[in-house]
Amino acid sequence: MTLAELAARIGARVYTPGGGAAVDVGRVWAGDRISDLLNEAVDNVLLVSNLASTHLIRVAELMDVPGICLVAGREPDADMLSAARAHGTLLMSSPYGLFETCGRLYQCLSAEAPTVR
């Protein structure tokens, strides 16, 4: 499922579509420590966090992460928006808290997963 489809399905507001809107997401990683996010950042992961800072965009730049989802309706500041636009990172904000956002993302991605028999 693409980042744009995920954003629409969970009711997230997309601030910067970036080049990642059409990227198929293989998994989601949530965390509030940059070191944890950095360890799990890859080119098909959506990072989910309470952290609304430019440091998160730097992680995306460094690891070619296509998208970031802020939670609890957090809004990025002007610096974060500018950095996301410059790098082409999809930046969205979910109206739900971390737990519920991850649950909704899990439902979306597991509905797309092929059934193993």
PDB file of N, CA and C in Angstrom:
ATOM      1  N   MET A   1       0.849  -1.167   0.000  1.00  0.00           N
ATOM      2  CA  MET A   1       0.000   0.000   0.000  1.00  0.00           C
ATOM      3  C   MET A   1       0.902   1.240   0.000  1.00  0.00           C
ATOM      4  N   THR A   2       0.528   2.230  -0.762  1.00  0.00           N
ATOM      5  CA  THR A   2       1.359   3.430  -0.855  1.00  0.00           C
ATOM      6  C   THR A   2       1.154   4.322   0.363  1.00  0.00           C
ATOM      7  N   LEU A   3       2.093   5.217   0.571  1.00  0.00           N
ATOM      8  CA  LEU A   3       1.976   6.171   1.677  1.00  0.00           C
ATOM      9  C   LEU A   3       0.732   7.045   1.527  1.00  0.00           C
ATOM     10  N   ALA A   4       0.439   7.476   0.317  1.00  0.00           N
ATOM     11  CA  ALA A   4      -0.749   8.304   0.084  1.00  0.00           C
ATOM     12  C   ALA A   4      -2.025   7.547   0.448  1.00  0.00           C
ATOM     13  N   GLU A   5      -2.094   6.270   0.087  1.00  0.00           N
ATOM     14  CA  GLU A   5      -3.269   5.454   0.439  1.00  0.00           C
ATOM     15  C   GLU A   5      -3.378   5.264   1.948  1.00  0.00           C
ATOM     16  N   LEU A   6      -2.250   5.001   2.594  1.00  0.00           N
ATOM     17  CA  LEU A   6      -2.257   4.847   4.053  1.00  0.00           C
ATOM     18  C   LEU A   6      -2.748   6.116   4.739  1.00  0.00           C
ATOM     19  N   ALA A   7      -2.241   7.253   4.289  1.00  0.00           N
ATOM     20  CA  ALA A   7      -2.647   8.530   4.881  1.00  0.00           C
ATOM     21  C   ALA A   7      -4.158   8.719   4.765  1.00  0.00           C
ATOM     22  N   ALA A   8      -4.700   8.426   3.598  1.00  0.00           N
ATOM     23  CA  ALA A   8      -6.144   8.583   3.386  1.00  0.00           C
ATOM     24  C   ALA A   8      -6.941   7.625   4.264  1.00  0.00           C
ATOM     25  N   ARG A   9      -6.474   6.395   4.379  1.00  0.00           N
ATOM     26  CA  ARG A   9      -7.218   5.390   5.156  1.00  0.00           C
ATOM     27  C   ARG A   9      -7.232   5.654   6.650  1.00  0.00           C
ATOM     28  N   ILE A  10      -6.176   6.271   7.166  1.00  0.00           N
ATOM     29  CA  ILE A  10      -6.162   6.538   8.618  1.00  0.00           C
ATOM     30  C   ILE A  10      -6.623   7.958   8.937  1.00  0.00           C
ATOM     31  N   GLY A  11      -6.982   8.706   7.921  1.00  0.00           N
ATOM     32  CA  GLY A  11      -7.474  10.062   8.141  1.00  0.00           C
ATOM     33  C   GLY A  11      -6.399  11.054   8.513  1.00  0.00           C
ATOM     34  N   ALA A  12      -5.183  10.811   8.028  1.00  0.00           N
ATOM     35  CA  ALA A  12      -4.055  11.700   8.337  1.00  0.00           C
ATOM     36  C   ALA A  12      -4.055  12.892   7.387  1.00  0.00           C
ATOM     37  N   ARG A  13      -3.593  14.001   7.905  1.00  0.00           N
ATOM     38  CA  ARG A  13      -3.417  15.202   7.080  1.00  0.00           C
ATOM     39  C   ARG A  13      -2.015  15.159   6.479  1.00  0.00           C
ATOM     40  N   VAL A  14      -1.939  15.271   5.169  1.00  0.00           N
ATOM     41  CA  VAL A  14      -0.646  15.265   4.491  1.00  0.00           C
ATOM     42  C   VAL A  14      -0.182  16.708   4.324  1.00  0.00           C
ATOM     43  N   TYR A  15       0.980  17.006   4.882  1.00  0.00           N
ATOM     44  CA  TYR A  15       1.543  18.358   4.794  1.00  0.00           C
ATOM     45  C   TYR A  15       2.440  18.509   3.577  1.00  0.00           C
ATOM     46  N   THR A  16       3.272  17.501   3.337  1.00  0.00           N
ATOM     47  CA  THR A  16       4.163  17.521   2.177  1.00  0.00           C
ATOM     48  C   THR A  16       4.097  16.152   1.524  1.00  0.00           C
ATOM     49  N   PRO A  17       3.542  16.075   0.316  1.00  0.00           N
ATOM     50  CA  PRO A  17       3.436  14.760  -0.324  1.00  0.00           C
ATOM     51  C   PRO A  17       4.787  14.181  -0.705  1.00  0.00           C
ATOM     52  N   GLY A  18       5.704  15.039  -1.089  1.00  0.00           N
ATOM     53  CA  GLY A  18       7.040  14.566  -1.430  1.00  0.00           C
ATOM     54  C   GLY A  18       7.029  13.494  -2.499  1.00  0.00           C
ATOM     55  N   GLY A  19       8.173  12.919  -2.742  1.00  0.00           N
ATOM     56  CA  GLY A  19       8.295  11.841  -3.708  1.00  0.00           C
ATOM     57  C   GLY A  19       7.844  10.513  -3.143  1.00  0.00           C
ATOM     58  N   GLY A  20       7.621  10.470  -1.829  1.00  0.00           N
ATOM     59  CA  GLY A  20       7.264   9.215  -1.177  1.00  0.00           C
ATOM     60  C   GLY A  20       5.800   8.841  -1.262  1.00  0.00           C
ATOM     61  N   ALA A  21       4.949   9.707  -1.795  1.00  0.00           N
ATOM     62  CA  ALA A  21       3.511   9.431  -1.826  1.00  0.00           C
ATOM     63  C   ALA A  21       3.191   8.139  -2.554  1.00  0.00           C
ATOM     64  N   ALA A  22       3.955   7.811  -3.584  1.00  0.00           N
ATOM     65  CA  ALA A  22       3.684   6.616  -4.385  1.00  0.00           C
ATOM     66  C   ALA A  22       4.500   5.402  -3.945  1.00  0.00           C
ATOM     67  N   VAL A  23       5.290   5.548  -2.889  1.00  0.00           N
ATOM     68  CA  VAL A  23       6.126   4.447  -2.413  1.00  0.00           C
ATOM     69  C   VAL A  23       5.270   3.424  -1.677  1.00  0.00           C
ATOM     70  N   ASP A  24       5.472   2.145  -2.009  1.00  0.00           N
ATOM     71  CA  ASP A  24       4.798   1.080  -1.275  1.00  0.00           C
ATOM     72  C   ASP A  24       5.487   0.879   0.063  1.00  0.00           C
ATOM     73  N   VAL A  25       4.699   0.892   1.122  1.00  0.00           N
ATOM     74  CA  VAL A  25       5.235   0.737   2.468  1.00  0.00           C
ATOM     75  C   VAL A  25       5.241  -0.741   2.832  1.00  0.00           C
ATOM     76  N   GLY A  26       6.386  -1.216   3.277  1.00  0.00           N
ATOM     77  CA  GLY A  26       6.507  -2.610   3.692  1.00  0.00           C
ATOM     78  C   GLY A  26       6.259  -2.794   5.168  1.00  0.00           C
ATOM     79  N   ARG A  27       6.533  -1.737   5.941  1.00  0.00           N
ATOM     80  CA  ARG A  27       6.337  -1.832   7.391  1.00  0.00           C
ATOM     81  C   ARG A  27       6.313  -0.446   8.019  1.00  0.00           C
ATOM     82  N   VAL A  28       5.973  -0.447   9.284  1.00  0.00           N
ATOM     83  CA  VAL A  28       5.872   0.787  10.066  1.00  0.00           C
ATOM     84  C   VAL A  28       6.749   0.618  11.292  1.00  0.00           C
ATOM     85  N   TRP A  29       7.417   1.685  11.684  1.00  0.00           N
ATOM     86  CA  TRP A  29       8.210   1.660  12.919  1.00  0.00           C
ATOM     87  C   TRP A  29       7.861   2.899  13.720  1.00  0.00           C
ATOM     88  N   ALA A  30       7.469   2.689  14.961  1.00  0.00           N
ATOM     89  CA  ALA A  30       7.085   3.798  15.838  1.00  0.00           C
ATOM     90  C   ALA A  30       8.082   3.931  16.975  1.00  0.00           C
ATOM     91  N   GLY A  31       8.353   5.177  17.348  1.00  0.00           N
ATOM     92  CA  GLY A  31       9.251   5.421  18.459  1.00  0.00           C
ATOM     93  C   GLY A  31       9.410   6.895  18.738  1.00  0.00           C
ATOM     94  N   ASP A  32       9.939   7.182  19.911  1.00  0.00           N
ATOM     95  CA  ASP A  32      10.140   8.563  20.315  1.00  0.00           C
ATOM     96  C   ASP A  32      11.599   8.881  20.597  1.00  0.00           C
ATOM     97  N   ARG A  33      12.480   7.949  20.278  1.00  0.00           N
ATOM     98  CA  ARG A  33      13.910   8.211  20.409  1.00  0.00           C
ATOM     99  C   ARG A  33      14.536   8.149  19.026  1.00  0.00           C
ATOM    100  N   ILE A  34      15.279   9.171  18.683  1.00  0.00           N
ATOM    101  CA  ILE A  34      15.917   9.237  17.368  1.00  0.00           C
ATOM    102  C   ILE A  34      16.777   8.004  17.127  1.00  0.00           C
ATOM    103  N   SER A  35      17.478   7.528  18.147  1.00  0.00           N
ATOM    104  CA  SER A  35      18.357   6.368  17.958  1.00  0.00           C
ATOM    105  C   SER A  35      17.562   5.129  17.566  1.00  0.00           C
ATOM    106  N   ASP A  36      16.384   4.922  18.154  1.00  0.00           N
ATOM    107  CA  ASP A  36      15.546   3.779  17.785  1.00  0.00           C
ATOM    108  C   ASP A  36      15.040   3.913  16.360  1.00  0.00           C
ATOM    109  N   LEU A  37      14.612   5.103  15.992  1.00  0.00           N
ATOM    110  CA  LEU A  37      14.107   5.338  14.640  1.00  0.00           C
ATOM    111  C   LEU A  37      15.218   5.160  13.613  1.00  0.00           C
ATOM    112  N   LEU A  38      16.402   5.617  13.945  1.00  0.00           N
ATOM    113  CA  LEU A  38      17.548   5.496  13.046  1.00  0.00           C
ATOM    114  C   LEU A  38      17.905   4.031  12.809  1.00  0.00           C
ATOM    115  N   ASN A  39      17.807   3.220  13.848  1.00  0.00           N
ATOM    116  CA  ASN A  39      18.135   1.796  13.727  1.00  0.00           C
ATOM    117  C   ASN A  39      17.173   1.044  12.812  1.00  0.00           C
ATOM    118  N   GLU A  40      15.951   1.509  12.712  1.00  0.00           N
ATOM    119  CA  GLU A  40      14.935   0.794  11.938  1.00  0.00           C
ATOM    120  C   GLU A  40      14.593   1.465  10.614  1.00  0.00           C
ATOM    121  N   ALA A  41      15.214   2.564  10.321  1.00  0.00           N
ATOM    122  CA  ALA A  41      14.889   3.326   9.115  1.00  0.00           C
ATOM    123  C   ALA A  41      15.442   2.641   7.866  1.00  0.00           C
ATOM    124  N   VAL A  42      14.540   2.374   6.920  1.00  0.00           N
ATOM    125  CA  VAL A  42      14.911   1.817   5.623  1.00  0.00           C
ATOM    126  C   VAL A  42      14.043   2.465   4.548  1.00  0.00           C
ATOM    127  N   ASP A  43      14.281   2.102   3.315  1.00  0.00           N
ATOM    128  CA  ASP A  43      13.629   2.805   2.219  1.00  0.00           C
ATOM    129  C   ASP A  43      12.160   2.472   1.975  1.00  0.00           C
ATOM    130  N   ASN A  44      11.575   1.549   2.727  1.00  0.00           N
ATOM    131  CA  ASN A  44      10.151   1.273   2.560  1.00  0.00           C
ATOM    132  C   ASN A  44       9.391   1.280   3.882  1.00  0.00           C
ATOM    133  N   VAL A  45       9.896   2.042   4.839  1.00  0.00           N
ATOM    134  CA  VAL A  45       9.277   2.106   6.156  1.00  0.00           C
ATOM    135  C   VAL A  45       8.643   3.474   6.376  1.00  0.00           C
ATOM    136  N   LEU A  46       7.538   3.469   7.091  1.00  0.00           N
ATOM    137  CA  LEU A  46       6.907   4.705   7.542  1.00  0.00           C
ATOM    138  C   LEU A  46       7.286   4.878   9.000  1.00  0.00           C
ATOM    139  N   LEU A  47       7.949   5.969   9.311  1.00  0.00           N
ATOM    140  CA  LEU A  47       8.293   6.256  10.703  1.00  0.00           C
ATOM    141  C   LEU A  47       7.120   6.982  11.355  1.00  0.00           C
ATOM    142  N   VAL A  48       6.756   6.551  12.560  1.00  0.00           N
ATOM    143  CA  VAL A  48       5.646   7.138  13.308  1.00  0.00           C
ATOM    144  C   VAL A  48       6.206   7.628  14.634  1.00  0.00           C
ATOM    145  N   SER A  49       5.916   8.894  14.983  1.00  0.00           N
ATOM    146  CA  SER A  49       6.521   9.446  16.187  1.00  0.00           C
ATOM    147  C   SER A  49       5.754  10.646  16.728  1.00  0.00           C
ATOM    148  N   ASN A  50       5.959  10.888  18.015  1.00  0.00           N
ATOM    149  CA  ASN A  50       5.474  12.107  18.671  1.00  0.00           C
ATOM    150  C   ASN A  50       6.427  13.274  18.434  1.00  0.00           C
ATOM    151  N   LEU A  51       7.627  12.980  17.956  1.00  0.00           N
ATOM    152  CA  LEU A  51       8.656  13.998  17.784  1.00  0.00           C
ATOM    153  C   LEU A  51       8.385  14.841  16.541  1.00  0.00           C
ATOM    154  N   ALA A  52       8.095  16.075  16.741  1.00  0.00           N
ATOM    155  CA  ALA A  52       7.873  16.983  15.608  1.00  0.00           C
ATOM    156  C   ALA A  52       9.071  17.918  15.517  1.00  0.00           C
ATOM    157  N   SER A  53      10.176  17.379  14.990  1.00  0.00           N
ATOM    158  CA  SER A  53      11.387  18.192  14.895  1.00  0.00           C
ATOM    159  C   SER A  53      12.117  17.902  13.597  1.00  0.00           C
ATOM    160  N   THR A  54      12.984  18.818  13.233  1.00  0.00           N
ATOM    161  CA  THR A  54      13.763  18.640  12.004  1.00  0.00           C
ATOM    162  C   THR A  54      14.721  17.455  12.114  1.00  0.00           C
ATOM    163  N   HIS A  55      15.030  17.022  13.331  1.00  0.00           N
ATOM    164  CA  HIS A  55      15.910  15.862  13.500  1.00  0.00           C
ATOM    165  C   HIS A  55      15.296  14.624  12.846  1.00  0.00           C
ATOM    166  N   LEU A  56      13.991  14.533  12.893  1.00  0.00           N
ATOM    167  CA  LEU A  56      13.295  13.410  12.275  1.00  0.00           C
ATOM    168  C   LEU A  56      13.445  13.442  10.752  1.00  0.00           C
ATOM    169  N   ILE A  57      13.416  14.618  10.185  1.00  0.00           N
ATOM    170  CA  ILE A  57      13.619  14.756   8.741  1.00  0.00           C
ATOM    171  C   ILE A  57      15.050  14.371   8.383  1.00  0.00           C
ATOM    172  N   ARG A  58      16.001  14.704   9.235  1.00  0.00           N
ATOM    173  CA  ARG A  58      17.400  14.338   8.990  1.00  0.00           C
ATOM    174  C   ARG A  58      17.565  12.818   8.968  1.00  0.00           C
ATOM    175  N   VAL A  59      16.838  12.112   9.845  1.00  0.00           N
ATOM    176  CA  VAL A  59      16.858  10.647   9.828  1.00  0.00           C
ATOM    177  C   VAL A  59      16.344  10.157   8.477  1.00  0.00           C
ATOM    178  N   ALA A  60      15.253  10.744   8.019  1.00  0.00           N
ATOM    179  CA  ALA A  60      14.679  10.361   6.721  1.00  0.00           C
ATOM    180  C   ALA A  60      15.676  10.602   5.595  1.00  0.00           C
ATOM    181  N   GLU A  61      16.366  11.707   5.649  1.00  0.00           N
ATOM    182  CA  GLU A  61      17.375  12.022   4.625  1.00  0.00           C
ATOM    183  C   GLU A  61      18.499  10.998   4.640  1.00  0.00           C
ATOM    184  N   LEU A  62      19.003  10.731   5.815  1.00  0.00           N
ATOM    185  CA  LEU A  62      20.142   9.838   5.973  1.00  0.00           C
ATOM    186  C   LEU A  62      19.832   8.420   5.522  1.00  0.00           C
ATOM    187  N   MET A  63      18.634   7.941   5.799  1.00  0.00           N
ATOM    188  CA  MET A  63      18.286   6.546   5.568  1.00  0.00           C
ATOM    189  C   MET A  63      17.313   6.337   4.402  1.00  0.00           C
ATOM    190  N   ASP A  64      17.047   7.386   3.637  1.00  0.00           N
ATOM    191  CA  ASP A  64      16.118   7.310   2.505  1.00  0.00           C
ATOM    192  C   ASP A  64      14.728   6.826   2.895  1.00  0.00           C
ATOM    193  N   VAL A  65      14.262   7.276   4.029  1.00  0.00           N
ATOM    194  CA  VAL A  65      12.909   6.955   4.491  1.00  0.00           C
ATOM    195  C   VAL A  65      11.919   7.803   3.697  1.00  0.00           C
ATOM    196  N   PRO A  66      10.901   7.186   3.113  1.00  0.00           N
ATOM    197  CA  PRO A  66       9.978   7.941   2.265  1.00  0.00           C
ATOM    198  C   PRO A  66       8.930   8.762   3.011  1.00  0.00           C
ATOM    199  N   GLY A  67       8.619   8.377   4.267  1.00  0.00           N
ATOM    200  CA  GLY A  67       7.556   9.099   4.946  1.00  0.00           C
ATOM    201  C   GLY A  67       7.627   9.067   6.462  1.00  0.00           C
ATOM    202  N   ILE A  68       7.026  10.111   7.040  1.00  0.00           N
ATOM    203  CA  ILE A  68       6.962  10.269   8.486  1.00  0.00           C
ATOM    204  C   ILE A  68       5.530  10.616   8.854  1.00  0.00           C
ATOM    205  N   CYS A  69       5.044   9.971   9.900  1.00  0.00           N
ATOM    206  CA  CYS A  69       3.709  10.264  10.409  1.00  0.00           C
ATOM    207  C   CYS A  69       3.819  10.755  11.848  1.00  0.00           C
ATOM    208  N   LEU A  70       3.439  11.985  12.070  1.00  0.00           N
ATOM    209  CA  LEU A  70       3.345  12.518  13.426  1.00  0.00           C
ATOM    210  C   LEU A  70       2.006  12.057  13.991  1.00  0.00           C
ATOM    211  N   VAL A  71       1.869  12.033  15.298  1.00  0.00           N
ATOM    212  CA  VAL A  71       0.632  11.550  15.915  1.00  0.00           C
ATOM    213  C   VAL A  71      -0.007  12.604  16.803  1.00  0.00           C
ATOM    214  N   ALA A  72      -1.220  12.312  17.223  1.00  0.00           N
ATOM    215  CA  ALA A  72      -1.981  13.164  18.141  1.00  0.00           C
ATOM    216  C   ALA A  72      -2.204  14.569  17.585  1.00  0.00           C
ATOM    217  N   GLY A  73      -2.334  14.643  16.251  1.00  0.00           N
ATOM    218  CA  GLY A  73      -2.602  15.940  15.626  1.00  0.00           C
ATOM    219  C   GLY A  73      -1.458  16.921  15.681  1.00  0.00           C
ATOM    220  N   ARG A  74      -0.243  16.430  15.992  1.00  0.00           N
ATOM    221  CA  ARG A  74       0.915  17.327  16.040  1.00  0.00           C
ATOM    222  C   ARG A  74       1.126  17.973  14.675  1.00  0.00           C
ATOM    223  N   GLU A  75       1.422  19.250  14.702  1.00  0.00           N
ATOM    224  CA  GLU A  75       1.672  19.979  13.467  1.00  0.00           C
ATOM    225  C   GLU A  75       3.150  20.318  13.363  1.00  0.00           C
ATOM    226  N   PRO A  76       3.729  20.088  12.204  1.00  0.00           N
ATOM    227  CA  PRO A  76       5.145  20.426  12.031  1.00  0.00           C
ATOM    228  C   PRO A  76       5.336  21.941  11.983  1.00  0.00           C
ATOM    229  N   ASP A  77       6.472  22.398  12.493  1.00  0.00           N
ATOM    230  CA  ASP A  77       6.761  23.836  12.408  1.00  0.00           C
ATOM    231  C   ASP A  77       7.320  24.146  11.020  1.00  0.00           C
ATOM    232  N   ALA A  78       7.549  25.402  10.768  1.00  0.00           N
ATOM    233  CA  ALA A  78       8.002  25.857   9.443  1.00  0.00           C
ATOM    234  C   ALA A  78       9.329  25.213   9.042  1.00  0.00           C
ATOM    235  N   ASP A  79      10.255  25.058   9.990  1.00  0.00           N
ATOM    236  CA  ASP A  79      11.551  24.445   9.674  1.00  0.00           C
ATOM    237  C   ASP A  79      11.397  22.980   9.264  1.00  0.00           C
ATOM    238  N   MET A  80      10.538  22.272   9.963  1.00  0.00           N
ATOM    239  CA  MET A  80      10.310  20.867   9.645  1.00  0.00           C
ATOM    240  C   MET A  80       9.649  20.723   8.270  1.00  0.00           C
ATOM    241  N   LEU A  81       8.683  21.581   7.985  1.00  0.00           N
ATOM    242  CA  LEU A  81       8.024  21.563   6.676  1.00  0.00           C
ATOM    243  C   LEU A  81       9.015  21.852   5.556  1.00  0.00           C
ATOM    244  N   SER A  82       9.845  22.845   5.774  1.00  0.00           N
ATOM    245  CA  SER A  82      10.837  23.228   4.776  1.00  0.00           C
ATOM    246  C   SER A  82      11.816  22.082   4.511  1.00  0.00           C
ATOM    247  N   ALA A  83      12.282  21.444   5.576  1.00  0.00           N
ATOM    248  CA  ALA A  83      13.223  20.331   5.424  1.00  0.00           C
ATOM    249  C   ALA A  83      12.567  19.147   4.719  1.00  0.00           C
ATOM    250  N   ALA A  84      11.318  18.870   5.036  1.00  0.00           N
ATOM    251  CA  ALA A  84      10.599  17.761   4.389  1.00  0.00           C
ATOM    252  C   ALA A  84      10.407  18.044   2.904  1.00  0.00           C
ATOM    253  N   ARG A  85      10.055  19.271   2.573  1.00  0.00           N
ATOM    254  CA  ARG A  85       9.899  19.647   1.155  1.00  0.00           C
ATOM    255  C   ARG A  85      11.229  19.526   0.413  1.00  0.00           C
ATOM    256  N   ALA A  86      12.289  20.025   1.030  1.00  0.00           N
ATOM    257  CA  ALA A  86      13.603  20.007   0.391  1.00  0.00           C
ATOM    258  C   ALA A  86      14.078  18.579   0.122  1.00  0.00           C
ATOM    259  N   HIS A  87      13.778  17.677   1.033  1.00  0.00           N
ATOM    260  CA  HIS A  87      14.225  16.294   0.865  1.00  0.00           C
ATOM    261  C   HIS A  87      13.226  15.450   0.080  1.00  0.00           C
ATOM    262  N   GLY A  88      11.988  15.898  -0.035  1.00  0.00           N
ATOM    263  CA  GLY A  88      10.969  15.111  -0.734  1.00  0.00           C
ATOM    264  C   GLY A  88      10.353  14.034   0.141  1.00  0.00           C
ATOM    265  N   THR A  89      10.334  14.279   1.439  1.00  0.00           N
ATOM    266  CA  THR A  89       9.762  13.334   2.392  1.00  0.00           C
ATOM    267  C   THR A  89       8.281  13.602   2.560  1.00  0.00           C
ATOM    268  N   LEU A  90       7.457  12.545   2.469  1.00  0.00           N
ATOM    269  CA  LEU A  90       6.044  12.699   2.761  1.00  0.00           C
ATOM    270  C   LEU A  90       5.909  12.902   4.259  1.00  0.00           C
ATOM    271  N   LEU A  91       5.234  13.965   4.652  1.00  0.00           N
ATOM    272  CA  LEU A  91       5.039  14.285   6.059  1.00  0.00           C
ATOM    273  C   LEU A  91       3.554  14.378   6.316  1.00  0.00           C
ATOM    274  N   MET A  92       3.070  13.540   7.222  1.00  0.00           N
ATOM    275  CA  MET A  92       1.643  13.534   7.554  1.00  0.00           C
ATOM    276  C   MET A  92       1.458  13.582   9.059  1.00  0.00           C
ATOM    277  N   SER A  93       0.227  13.887   9.468  1.00  0.00           N
ATOM    278  CA  SER A  93      -0.092  13.913  10.889  1.00  0.00           C
ATOM    279  C   SER A  93      -1.422  13.208  11.111  1.00  0.00           C
ATOM    280  N   SER A  94      -1.396  12.210  11.978  1.00  0.00           N
ATOM    281  CA  SER A  94      -2.599  11.464  12.327  1.00  0.00           C
ATOM    282  C   SER A  94      -3.316  12.172  13.476  1.00  0.00           C
ATOM    283  N   PRO A  95      -4.642  12.192  13.448  1.00  0.00           N
ATOM    284  CA  PRO A  95      -5.367  12.810  14.556  1.00  0.00           C
ATOM    285  C   PRO A  95      -5.387  11.934  15.809  1.00  0.00           C
ATOM    286  N   TYR A  96      -4.928  10.695  15.689  1.00  0.00           N
ATOM    287  CA  TYR A  96      -4.980   9.736  16.795  1.00  0.00           C
ATOM    288  C   TYR A  96      -3.637   9.653  17.516  1.00  0.00           C
ATOM    289  N   GLY A  97      -3.665   9.125  18.715  1.00  0.00           N
ATOM    290  CA  GLY A  97      -2.448   8.915  19.482  1.00  0.00           C
ATOM    291  C   GLY A  97      -1.585   7.827  18.863  1.00  0.00           C
ATOM    292  N   LEU A  98      -0.431   7.612  19.433  1.00  0.00           N
ATOM    293  CA  LEU A  98       0.539   6.664  18.901  1.00  0.00           C
ATOM    294  C   LEU A  98      -0.031   5.246  18.808  1.00  0.00           C
ATOM    295  N   PHE A  99      -0.641   4.780  19.866  1.00  0.00           N
ATOM    296  CA  PHE A  99      -1.171   3.419  19.904  1.00  0.00           C
ATOM    297  C   PHE A  99      -2.252   3.219  18.844  1.00  0.00           C
ATOM    298  N   GLU A 100      -3.223   4.109  18.794  1.00  0.00           N
ATOM    299  CA  GLU A 100      -4.314   3.953  17.837  1.00  0.00           C
ATOM    300  C   GLU A 100      -3.836   4.132  16.396  1.00  0.00           C
ATOM    301  N   THR A 101      -2.934   5.062  16.172  1.00  0.00           N
ATOM    302  CA  THR A 101      -2.383   5.241  14.826  1.00  0.00           C
ATOM    303  C   THR A 101      -1.705   3.961  14.361  1.00  0.00           C
ATOM    304  N   CYS A 102      -0.882   3.378  15.209  1.00  0.00           N
ATOM    305  CA  CYS A 102      -0.192   2.135  14.845  1.00  0.00           C
ATOM    306  C   CYS A 102      -1.187   1.003  14.609  1.00  0.00           C
ATOM    307  N   GLY A 103      -2.226   0.938  15.416  1.00  0.00           N
ATOM    308  CA  GLY A 103      -3.253  -0.083  15.223  1.00  0.00           C
ATOM    309  C   GLY A 103      -3.950   0.071  13.882  1.00  0.00           C
ATOM    310  N   ARG A 104      -4.278   1.279  13.517  1.00  0.00           N
ATOM    311  CA  ARG A 104      -4.932   1.535  12.230  1.00  0.00           C
ATOM    312  C   ARG A 104      -3.994   1.216  11.064  1.00  0.00           C
ATOM    313  N   LEU A 105      -2.743   1.587  11.202  1.00  0.00           N
ATOM    314  CA  LEU A 105      -1.772   1.269  10.153  1.00  0.00           C
ATOM    315  C   LEU A 105      -1.593  -0.239  10.010  1.00  0.00           C
ATOM    316  N   TYR A 106      -1.549  -0.921  11.136  1.00  0.00           N
ATOM    317  CA  TYR A 106      -1.423  -2.376  11.123  1.00  0.00           C
ATOM    318  C   TYR A 106      -2.610  -3.013  10.400  1.00  0.00           C
ATOM    319  N   GLN A 107      -3.805  -2.554  10.696  1.00  0.00           N
ATOM    320  CA  GLN A 107      -4.995  -3.092  10.027  1.00  0.00           C
ATOM    321  C   GLN A 107      -4.909  -2.893   8.514  1.00  0.00           C
ATOM    322  N   CYS A 108      -4.491  -1.712   8.105  1.00  0.00           N
ATOM    323  CA  CYS A 108      -4.374  -1.426   6.672  1.00  0.00           C
ATOM    324  C   CYS A 108      -3.346  -2.334   6.007  1.00  0.00           C
ATOM    325  N   LEU A 109      -2.186  -2.448   6.612  1.00  0.00           N
ATOM    326  CA  LEU A 109      -1.115  -3.239   6.007  1.00  0.00           C
ATOM    327  C   LEU A 109      -1.378  -4.734   6.084  1.00  0.00           C
ATOM    328  N   SER A 110      -1.992  -5.204   7.160  1.00  0.00           N
ATOM    329  CA  SER A 110      -2.252  -6.647   7.261  1.00  0.00           C
ATOM    330  C   SER A 110      -3.381  -7.065   6.330  1.00  0.00           C
ATOM    331  N   ALA A 111      -4.291  -6.160   5.990  1.00  0.00           N
ATOM    332  CA  ALA A 111      -5.350  -6.472   5.035  1.00  0.00           C
ATOM    333  C   ALA A 111      -4.768  -6.649   3.638  1.00  0.00           C
ATOM    334  N   GLU A 112      -3.633  -6.019   3.377  1.00  0.00           N
ATOM    335  CA  GLU A 112      -2.970  -6.118   2.072  1.00  0.00           C
ATOM    336  C   GLU A 112      -2.036  -7.308   1.966  1.00  0.00           C
ATOM    337  N   ALA A 113      -1.628  -7.847   3.108  1.00  0.00           N
ATOM    338  CA  ALA A 113      -0.637  -8.937   3.098  1.00  0.00           C
ATOM    339  C   ALA A 113      -1.244 -10.202   2.512  1.00  0.00           C
ATOM    340  N   PRO A 114      -0.468 -10.913   1.714  1.00  0.00           N
ATOM    341  CA  PRO A 114      -0.981 -12.159   1.143  1.00  0.00           C
ATOM    342  C   PRO A 114      -1.174 -13.217   2.225  1.00  0.00           C
ATOM    343  N   THR A 115      -2.163 -14.037   2.058  1.00  0.00           N
ATOM    344  CA  THR A 115      -2.445 -15.109   3.006  1.00  0.00           C
ATOM    345  C   THR A 115      -1.485 -16.258   2.735  1.00  0.00           C
ATOM    346  N   VAL A 116      -0.850 -16.737   3.789  1.00  0.00           N
ATOM    347  CA  VAL A 116       0.081 -17.850   3.667  1.00  0.00           C
ATOM    348  C   VAL A 116      -0.676 -19.145   3.965  1.00  0.00           C
ATOM    349  N   ARG A 117      -0.528 -20.110   3.067  1.00  0.00           N
ATOM    350  CA  ARG A 117      -1.225 -21.400   3.272  1.00  0.00           C
ATOM    351  C   ARG A 117      -0.242 -22.524   3.266  1.00  0.00           C
TER     352      ARG A 117
END
